[in-house]
Protein backbone atom coordinates (compact mmCIF):
# COMPACT_ATOMS: atom_id res chain seq x y z
CA UNK A 1 -45.85 -13.33 10.85
CA UNK A 2 -45.76 -9.64 11.65
CA UNK A 3 -43.49 -7.09 10.06
CA UNK A 4 -41.85 -4.19 11.82
CA UNK A 5 -42.68 -0.61 10.96
CA UNK A 6 -39.57 1.30 9.91
CA UNK A 7 -39.52 5.02 10.52
CA UNK A 8 -38.20 7.63 8.10
CA UNK A 9 -34.89 8.07 9.98
CA UNK A 10 -33.99 4.37 9.65
CA UNK A 11 -34.22 4.35 5.86
CA UNK A 12 -30.98 4.30 3.93
CA UNK A 13 -30.44 4.97 0.23
CA UNK A 14 -31.06 1.89 -1.88
CA UNK A 15 -28.59 0.90 -4.58
CA UNK A 16 -29.84 -1.38 -7.34
CA UNK A 17 -26.82 -3.69 -6.94
CA UNK A 18 -27.81 -4.34 -3.29
CA UNK A 19 -31.38 -5.49 -3.96
CA UNK A 20 -32.12 -9.03 -2.84
CA UNK A 21 -34.54 -10.89 -5.09
CA UNK A 22 -36.85 -13.45 -3.49
CA UNK A 23 -38.64 -15.02 -6.48
CA UNK A 24 -40.96 -17.04 -4.21
CA UNK A 25 -41.30 -14.39 -1.49
CA UNK A 26 -41.36 -15.25 2.21
CA UNK A 27 -44.00 -17.32 3.99
CA UNK A 28 -47.04 -15.09 4.32
CA UNK A 29 -45.48 -12.44 2.08
CA UNK A 30 -45.26 -14.37 -1.19
CA UNK A 31 -46.19 -11.27 -3.21
CA UNK A 32 -43.13 -9.32 -1.95
CA UNK A 33 -40.17 -10.18 -4.18
CA UNK A 34 -37.57 -7.43 -3.56
CA UNK A 35 -35.77 -6.63 -0.32
CA UNK A 36 -32.76 -4.69 0.88
CA UNK A 37 -30.59 -5.69 3.84
CA UNK A 38 -29.88 -2.80 6.19
CA UNK A 39 -27.11 -2.79 8.76
CA UNK A 40 -26.71 -0.23 11.51
CA UNK A 41 -23.73 -0.72 13.85
CA UNK A 42 -25.65 0.25 16.99
CA UNK A 43 -28.22 -2.51 16.36
CA UNK A 44 -25.79 -5.33 15.58
CA UNK A 45 -26.04 -8.30 15.55
CA UNK A 46 -29.57 -7.54 14.37
CA UNK A 47 -30.20 -6.45 10.77
CA UNK A 48 -33.24 -5.27 8.84
CA UNK A 49 -34.61 -7.08 5.81
CA UNK A 50 -36.64 -4.20 4.42
CA UNK A 51 -39.29 -4.55 1.73
CA UNK A 52 -38.23 -2.53 -1.29
CA UNK A 53 -41.74 -1.68 -2.51
CA UNK A 54 -42.98 -0.79 0.96
CA UNK A 55 -40.06 0.82 2.75
CA UNK A 56 -42.14 1.19 5.92
CA UNK A 57 -42.11 -2.57 6.53
CA UNK A 58 -39.39 -5.08 7.13
CA UNK A 59 -38.22 -8.00 9.20
CA UNK A 60 -35.65 -8.04 11.96
CA UNK A 61 -33.14 -10.77 11.07
CA UNK A 62 -29.97 -12.15 12.58
CA UNK A 63 -27.11 -14.31 11.42
CA UNK A 64 -27.68 -17.67 13.11
CA UNK A 65 -24.07 -17.76 14.33
CA UNK A 66 -24.82 -14.70 16.50
CA UNK A 67 -27.87 -16.35 18.08
CA UNK A 68 -27.19 -20.10 18.05
CA UNK A 69 -23.52 -20.85 17.29
CA UNK A 70 -24.23 -24.59 16.84
CA UNK A 71 -27.00 -24.05 14.25
CA UNK A 72 -26.37 -26.26 11.22
CA UNK A 73 -29.38 -26.44 8.89
CA UNK A 74 -29.23 -29.08 6.17
CA UNK A 75 -30.49 -27.13 3.16
CA UNK A 76 -32.21 -29.36 0.58
CA UNK A 77 -30.31 -29.98 -2.66
CA UNK A 78 -33.22 -28.56 -4.70
CA UNK A 79 -32.88 -25.23 -2.84
CA UNK A 80 -29.11 -25.19 -3.34
CA UNK A 81 -29.65 -25.73 -7.07
CA UNK A 82 -32.43 -23.10 -7.20
CA UNK A 83 -30.07 -20.57 -5.61
CA UNK A 84 -27.09 -21.70 -7.72
CA UNK A 85 -24.90 -22.12 -4.63
CA UNK A 86 -21.61 -23.78 -5.51
CA UNK A 87 -19.98 -23.78 -2.05
CA UNK A 88 -21.01 -23.02 1.53
CA UNK A 89 -19.15 -19.69 1.30
CA UNK A 90 -21.65 -18.59 -1.40
CA UNK A 91 -24.56 -18.73 1.07
CA UNK A 92 -25.64 -16.02 3.47
CA UNK A 93 -28.06 -17.45 6.02
CA UNK A 94 -30.38 -15.22 8.03
CA UNK A 95 -33.16 -16.05 10.46
CA UNK A 96 -36.22 -13.95 11.26
CA UNK A 97 -36.46 -12.54 14.79
CA UNK A 98 -39.73 -11.96 16.62
CA UNK A 99 -40.12 -9.94 19.81
CA UNK A 100 -43.11 -10.69 22.04
CA UNK A 101 -43.56 -9.39 25.57
CA UNK A 102 -39.94 -8.23 25.64
CA UNK A 103 -38.54 -11.66 24.70
CA UNK A 104 -36.74 -12.11 21.39
CA UNK A 105 -37.01 -15.44 19.60
CA UNK A 106 -35.55 -16.61 16.32
CA UNK A 107 -37.19 -18.88 13.73
CA UNK A 108 -34.71 -21.70 13.14
CA UNK A 109 -37.17 -23.79 11.06
CA UNK A 110 -37.31 -21.40 8.08
CA UNK A 111 -33.92 -19.80 7.41
CA UNK A 112 -33.54 -17.34 4.56
CA UNK A 113 -30.69 -18.44 2.31
CA UNK A 114 -29.20 -15.85 -0.06
CA UNK A 115 -26.61 -16.41 -2.76
CA UNK A 116 -23.95 -13.78 -1.93
CA UNK A 117 -23.00 -13.39 -5.61
CA UNK A 118 -26.41 -13.22 -7.32
CA UNK A 119 -28.42 -11.82 -4.36
CA UNK A 120 -31.18 -14.30 -5.06
CA UNK A 121 -32.74 -15.67 -1.89
CA UNK A 122 -35.25 -18.23 -0.71
CA UNK A 123 -36.80 -19.17 2.59
CA UNK A 124 -35.89 -22.83 3.01
CA UNK A 125 -37.08 -25.68 5.18
CA UNK A 126 -34.01 -27.68 6.25
CA UNK A 127 -34.20 -31.46 5.91
CA UNK A 128 -33.26 -31.62 9.61
CA UNK A 129 -36.07 -29.18 10.54
CA UNK A 130 -37.22 -31.40 13.44
CA UNK A 131 -34.02 -30.46 15.31
CA UNK A 132 -34.97 -26.77 15.44
CA UNK A 133 -37.48 -24.54 17.18
CA UNK A 134 -39.84 -22.10 15.52
CA UNK A 135 -39.40 -19.72 18.47
CA UNK A 136 -35.92 -20.30 19.89
CA UNK A 137 -35.20 -17.79 22.68
CA UNK A 138 -32.12 -15.73 21.93
CA UNK A 139 -29.56 -13.77 23.80
CA UNK A 140 -27.29 -12.52 21.03
CA UNK A 141 -23.63 -13.43 21.25
CA UNK A 142 -21.57 -10.20 21.34
CA UNK A 143 -19.87 -9.37 18.05
CA UNK A 144 -16.08 -9.36 18.28
CA UNK A 145 -14.57 -5.92 17.83
């Protein structure tokens, strides 16, 4: 999986209380444990999951509801316990976006699940993974104003 280079102008100040901890890292980036989620209104519904220790690299991510409104991953109970998620409202789910030859796709097989309260996250493999594509073509749904 490739990361995106982030230029100096895209960087925003990082506050310690906004740091997302990924104790197990992401697939292919297991050594990277700290991230920050960056939002810029002109790029919505896309967001940046920026590496904290290497602020020149990050992933483009999207909320699955903006890309595939019917997406319903069944997150394994062990992952829910690991993240200490008590209710669905506690979970923020993001999916990594890849752009190749001008076509954006989203990885629906490996969502990133983050506990909104603790900011601890984990890339999970849903138990219903066979229902999803690794490279699902996306045309983002416009965000309501």
